[in-house]
Structures are given as C-alpha cells and as structure tokens.
Amino acid sequence: MKPLAKTLGLAALLISGCAHYPVNVPLPTREAASGYRFQPGEPQSSSDDLLLMLAYSGGGTRAAAFSYGVLEQL
C-alpha cells in the first residue's frame, strides 16, 4: 500500500472518531396523561384478579427464545 493511501485512511479514521450526535431539545412541559404510563384503577379489597406486567428487552433470536422460555415457565 502506498504511504499516501495509508495516511489518508488513518486520517479518515481519526476524523470519523470525532463525529458528534444531535442533542435532543428538552420538552417545555411534561403531560402526565400522555406516553407509556400505567393508569391504576380503583383499589379493590376482595378480588382474585391478578395483573402481571412483563417487559422484555433485547432484539434477536436469543432474546426472543429467552422471553418465550420465561413465559412458558410462568
């Protein structure tokens, strides 16, 4: 490889390391009724109902298999 090509490749790598991401603008206000929020109902004293919420993260075959295995055991 020519020295000029090596130098340009190294310069491209160094410059790309200085890349910068856009900063999100803060919201002026927060609305309590919007977004992903659980709104609890009225408390019940003698109920056999059970609410179970599960959240799994991960993206891929292994994460999906793990989530399926947990649900299967439950």
C-alpha atoms as a PDB file:
ATOM      1  CA  MET A   1       0.000   0.000   0.000  1.00  0.00           C
ATOM      2  CA  LYS A   2       1.245   3.486  -0.783  1.00  0.00           C
ATOM      3  CA  PRO A   3       2.128   5.781   2.106  1.00  0.00           C
ATOM      4  CA  LEU A   4      -0.371   8.395   0.874  1.00  0.00           C
ATOM      5  CA  ALA A   5      -3.215   5.856   0.940  1.00  0.00           C
ATOM      6  CA  LYS A   6      -2.256   4.770   4.461  1.00  0.00           C
ATOM      7  CA  THR A   7      -2.115   8.373   5.626  1.00  0.00           C
ATOM      8  CA  LEU A   8      -5.499   9.206   4.107  1.00  0.00           C
ATOM      9  CA  GLY A   9      -7.041   6.065   5.618  1.00  0.00           C
ATOM     10  CA  LEU A  10      -5.657   6.900   9.047  1.00  0.00           C
ATOM     11  CA  ALA A  11      -6.868  10.500   8.743  1.00  0.00           C
ATOM     12  CA  ALA A  12     -10.364   9.288   7.788  1.00  0.00           C
ATOM     13  CA  LEU A  13     -10.460   7.019  10.844  1.00  0.00           C
ATOM     14  CA  LEU A  14      -9.316   9.794  13.157  1.00  0.00           C
ATOM     15  CA  ILE A  15     -11.800  12.309  11.761  1.00  0.00           C
ATOM     16  CA  SER A  16     -14.700   9.862  11.983  1.00  0.00           C
ATOM     17  CA  GLY A  17     -13.916   9.362  15.681  1.00  0.00           C
ATOM     18  CA  CYS A  18     -14.831  13.000  16.268  1.00  0.00           C
ATOM     19  CA  ALA A  19     -18.360  12.534  14.936  1.00  0.00           C
ATOM     20  CA  HIS A  20     -20.995  14.143  17.066  1.00  0.00           C
ATOM     21  CA  TYR A  21     -24.650  13.321  17.612  1.00  0.00           C
ATOM     22  CA  PRO A  22     -27.501  15.852  17.692  1.00  0.00           C
ATOM     23  CA  VAL A  23     -28.674  16.766  21.171  1.00  0.00           C
ATOM     24  CA  ASN A  24     -32.395  16.397  21.840  1.00  0.00           C
ATOM     25  CA  VAL A  25     -34.187  19.607  22.682  1.00  0.00           C
ATOM     26  CA  PRO A  26     -35.782  19.410  26.162  1.00  0.00           C
ATOM     27  CA  LEU A  27     -39.566  19.390  26.305  1.00  0.00           C
ATOM     28  CA  PRO A  28     -41.043  22.581  27.755  1.00  0.00           C
ATOM     29  CA  THR A  29     -43.655  20.694  29.822  1.00  0.00           C
ATOM     30  CA  ARG A  30     -44.483  17.104  30.706  1.00  0.00           C
ATOM     31  CA  GLU A  31     -48.003  15.838  30.185  1.00  0.00           C
ATOM     32  CA  ALA A  32     -48.934  13.231  32.786  1.00  0.00           C
ATOM     33  CA  ALA A  33     -51.760  11.802  30.669  1.00  0.00           C
ATOM     34  CA  SER A  34     -49.651  11.003  27.598  1.00  0.00           C
ATOM     35  CA  GLY A  35     -46.957   8.497  26.889  1.00  0.00           C
ATOM     36  CA  TYR A  36     -46.469   4.960  28.141  1.00  0.00           C
ATOM     37  CA  ARG A  37     -47.840   5.220  31.643  1.00  0.00           C
ATOM     38  CA  PHE A  38     -49.918   2.762  33.606  1.00  0.00           C
ATOM     39  CA  GLN A  39     -53.082   4.297  34.977  1.00  0.00           C
ATOM     40  CA  PRO A  40     -54.093   2.280  38.056  1.00  0.00           C
ATOM     41  CA  GLY A  41     -57.763   1.653  38.635  1.00  0.00           C
ATOM     42  CA  GLU A  42     -59.678   1.861  41.862  1.00  0.00           C
ATOM     43  CA  PRO A  43     -58.238  -0.349  44.614  1.00  0.00           C
ATOM     44  CA  GLN A  44     -60.280  -3.472  45.271  1.00  0.00           C
ATOM     45  CA  SER A  45     -60.133  -5.126  48.658  1.00  0.00           C
ATOM     46  CA  SER A  46     -61.571  -8.585  47.924  1.00  0.00           C
ATOM     47  CA  SER A  47     -60.644  -9.508  44.385  1.00  0.00           C
ATOM     48  CA  ASP A  48     -58.970 -12.610  42.989  1.00  0.00           C
ATOM     49  CA  ASP A  49     -57.883 -10.736  39.854  1.00  0.00           C
ATOM     50  CA  LEU A  50     -54.169 -10.524  39.227  1.00  0.00           C
ATOM     51  CA  LEU A  51     -52.467  -8.043  36.934  1.00  0.00           C
ATOM     52  CA  LEU A  52     -48.996  -9.112  35.859  1.00  0.00           C
ATOM     53  CA  MET A  53     -46.959  -6.896  33.552  1.00  0.00           C
ATOM     54  CA  LEU A  54     -43.797  -8.239  31.959  1.00  0.00           C
ATOM     55  CA  ALA A  55     -41.313  -6.293  29.859  1.00  0.00           C
ATOM     56  CA  TYR A  56     -38.514  -7.962  27.918  1.00  0.00           C
ATOM     57  CA  SER A  57     -35.729  -6.197  26.140  1.00  0.00           C
ATOM     58  CA  GLY A  58     -33.299  -7.323  23.533  1.00  0.00           C
ATOM     59  CA  GLY A  59     -33.567  -7.808  19.855  1.00  0.00           C
ATOM     60  CA  GLY A  60     -32.705 -11.068  18.262  1.00  0.00           C
ATOM     61  CA  THR A  61     -33.253 -14.771  18.275  1.00  0.00           C
ATOM     62  CA  ARG A  62     -31.573 -15.401  21.610  1.00  0.00           C
ATOM     63  CA  ALA A  63     -33.580 -12.696  23.403  1.00  0.00           C
ATOM     64  CA  ALA A  64     -36.827 -13.926  21.852  1.00  0.00           C
ATOM     65  CA  ALA A  65     -36.051 -17.518  22.877  1.00  0.00           C
ATOM     66  CA  PHE A  66     -35.287 -16.424  26.431  1.00  0.00           C
ATOM     67  CA  SER A  67     -38.534 -14.417  26.650  1.00  0.00           C
ATOM     68  CA  TYR A  68     -40.515 -17.360  25.293  1.00  0.00           C
ATOM     69  CA  GLY A  69     -38.899 -19.700  27.824  1.00  0.00           C
ATOM     70  CA  VAL A  70     -39.727 -17.378  30.724  1.00  0.00           C
ATOM     71  CA  LEU A  71     -43.350 -17.056  29.589  1.00  0.00           C
ATOM     72  CA  GLU A  72     -43.599 -20.805  29.139  1.00  0.00           C
ATOM     73  CA  GLN A  73     -42.382 -21.416  32.705  1.00  0.00           C
ATOM     74  CA  LEU A  74     -44.797 -18.850  34.115  1.00  0.00           C
END
